[in-house]
Amino acid sequence: MVDDMSEHHGHLQGNDDAVQAHLKRLRRIEGQVRGIQRMVEQEAYCIDVLTQVSAATKALQALALSLLDDHMAHCLVDAARQGGAEQEQKIKEASEAIARLVRS
């Protein structure tokens, strides 16, 4: 999904350690999903597939929480220092992101 927020530059820009950590986690998740695909292709036992889907889901949730934590620690704090409309916008974005995570 592409929206207005995709045009904003994030706090990860120039933060190679955070980018690498997130990419490492995403590569692991990608491997998990490929493993699930193989299990389905090989007609593995449904409960075993569901167990792996649950693990991949938890890994994605952990990534989302890490990204949210980074966002609050950097973007939200910076916006709070600026105050005004920027602060209000970043708080609204964070609140909407949290609501999406809770609903998922």
Protein backbone atom coordinates (compact mmCIF):
# COMPACT_ATOMS: atom_id res chain seq x y z
CA MET A 1 0.00 0.00 0.00
CA VAL A 2 1.42 3.36 -1.03
CA ASP A 3 0.21 6.51 0.65
CA ASP A 4 1.35 9.98 1.67
CA MET A 5 3.63 8.59 4.37
CA SER A 6 5.72 6.76 1.77
CA GLU A 7 7.01 10.13 0.59
CA HIS A 8 8.46 11.01 4.00
CA HIS A 9 12.06 10.18 4.70
CA GLY A 10 12.38 8.02 7.74
CA HIS A 11 14.77 7.96 10.63
CA LEU A 12 16.43 4.89 9.12
CA GLN A 13 18.02 7.02 6.43
CA GLY A 14 21.71 7.07 7.28
CA ASN A 15 21.24 4.63 10.19
CA ASP A 16 23.01 1.64 8.66
CA ASP A 17 22.92 -0.48 11.83
CA ALA A 18 19.14 -0.24 12.12
CA VAL A 19 18.67 -0.85 8.39
CA GLN A 20 20.91 -3.92 8.50
CA ALA A 21 19.13 -5.30 11.57
CA HIS A 22 15.74 -4.88 9.92
CA LEU A 23 16.98 -6.41 6.67
CA LYS A 24 18.45 -9.38 8.55
CA ARG A 25 15.11 -9.95 10.26
CA LEU A 26 13.27 -9.64 6.93
CA ARG A 27 15.58 -12.20 5.30
CA ARG A 28 14.78 -14.64 8.11
CA ILE A 29 11.06 -14.03 7.63
CA GLU A 30 11.47 -14.50 3.88
CA GLY A 31 13.14 -17.85 4.58
CA GLN A 32 10.27 -18.83 6.87
CA VAL A 33 7.71 -17.98 4.19
CA ARG A 34 9.65 -19.95 1.56
CA GLY A 35 9.68 -22.88 3.96
CA ILE A 36 5.91 -22.61 4.33
CA GLN A 37 5.58 -22.56 0.55
CA ARG A 38 7.64 -25.76 0.30
CA MET A 39 5.52 -27.38 3.00
CA VAL A 40 2.35 -26.58 1.06
CA GLU A 41 3.89 -27.84 -2.19
CA GLN A 42 4.86 -31.07 -0.42
CA GLU A 43 1.39 -31.31 1.12
CA ALA A 44 2.74 -31.28 4.67
CA TYR A 45 0.44 -31.90 7.61
CA CYS A 46 -1.87 -28.88 7.99
CA ILE A 47 -1.11 -28.35 11.68
CA ASP A 48 2.62 -28.24 10.93
CA VAL A 49 2.01 -25.62 8.22
CA LEU A 50 -0.18 -23.59 10.57
CA THR A 51 2.54 -23.72 13.23
CA GLN A 52 5.01 -22.23 10.75
CA VAL A 53 2.48 -19.59 9.64
CA SER A 54 2.08 -18.62 13.29
CA ALA A 55 5.87 -18.33 13.69
CA ALA A 56 6.16 -16.15 10.58
CA THR A 57 3.28 -13.98 11.77
CA LYS A 58 4.97 -13.49 15.15
CA ALA A 59 8.22 -12.58 13.38
CA LEU A 60 6.43 -9.96 11.28
CA GLN A 61 4.74 -8.58 14.39
CA ALA A 62 8.11 -8.34 16.13
CA LEU A 63 9.51 -6.45 13.14
CA ALA A 64 6.53 -4.10 13.16
CA LEU A 65 7.00 -3.41 16.87
CA SER A 66 10.70 -2.76 16.34
CA LEU A 67 9.95 -0.31 13.53
CA LEU A 68 7.31 1.38 15.66
CA ASP A 69 9.73 1.62 18.57
CA ASP A 70 12.35 3.19 16.30
CA HIS A 71 9.77 5.60 14.93
CA MET A 72 8.70 6.71 18.39
CA ALA A 73 12.26 7.01 19.66
CA HIS A 74 13.38 9.15 16.76
CA CYS A 75 10.67 10.67 14.55
CA LEU A 76 8.14 11.21 17.30
CA VAL A 77 10.70 12.63 19.72
CA ASP A 78 12.08 14.98 17.05
CA ALA A 79 8.56 16.14 16.18
CA ALA A 80 7.76 16.71 19.86
CA ARG A 81 10.79 18.97 20.09
CA GLN A 82 9.53 20.96 17.09
CA GLY A 83 5.98 21.13 18.41
CA GLY A 84 3.08 22.55 16.46
CA ALA A 85 1.67 20.93 13.34
CA GLU A 86 4.65 18.60 12.90
CA GLN A 87 4.13 17.18 16.38
CA GLU A 88 0.40 16.72 15.80
CA GLN A 89 0.99 15.00 12.44
CA LYS A 90 3.57 12.55 13.83
CA ILE A 91 1.38 11.68 16.81
CA LYS A 92 -1.55 11.07 14.46
CA GLU A 93 0.63 8.86 12.20
CA ALA A 94 1.88 6.84 15.18
CA SER A 95 -1.63 6.43 16.56
CA GLU A 96 -2.93 5.23 13.19
CA ALA A 97 -0.01 2.81 12.83
CA ILE A 98 -0.69 1.39 16.30
CA ALA A 99 -4.38 1.00 15.44
CA ARG A 100 -3.47 -0.92 12.27
CA LEU A 101 -1.17 -3.20 14.23
CA VAL A 102 -3.80 -3.87 16.87
CA ARG A 103 -6.39 -4.74 14.22
CA SER A 104 -4.07 -7.12 12.38
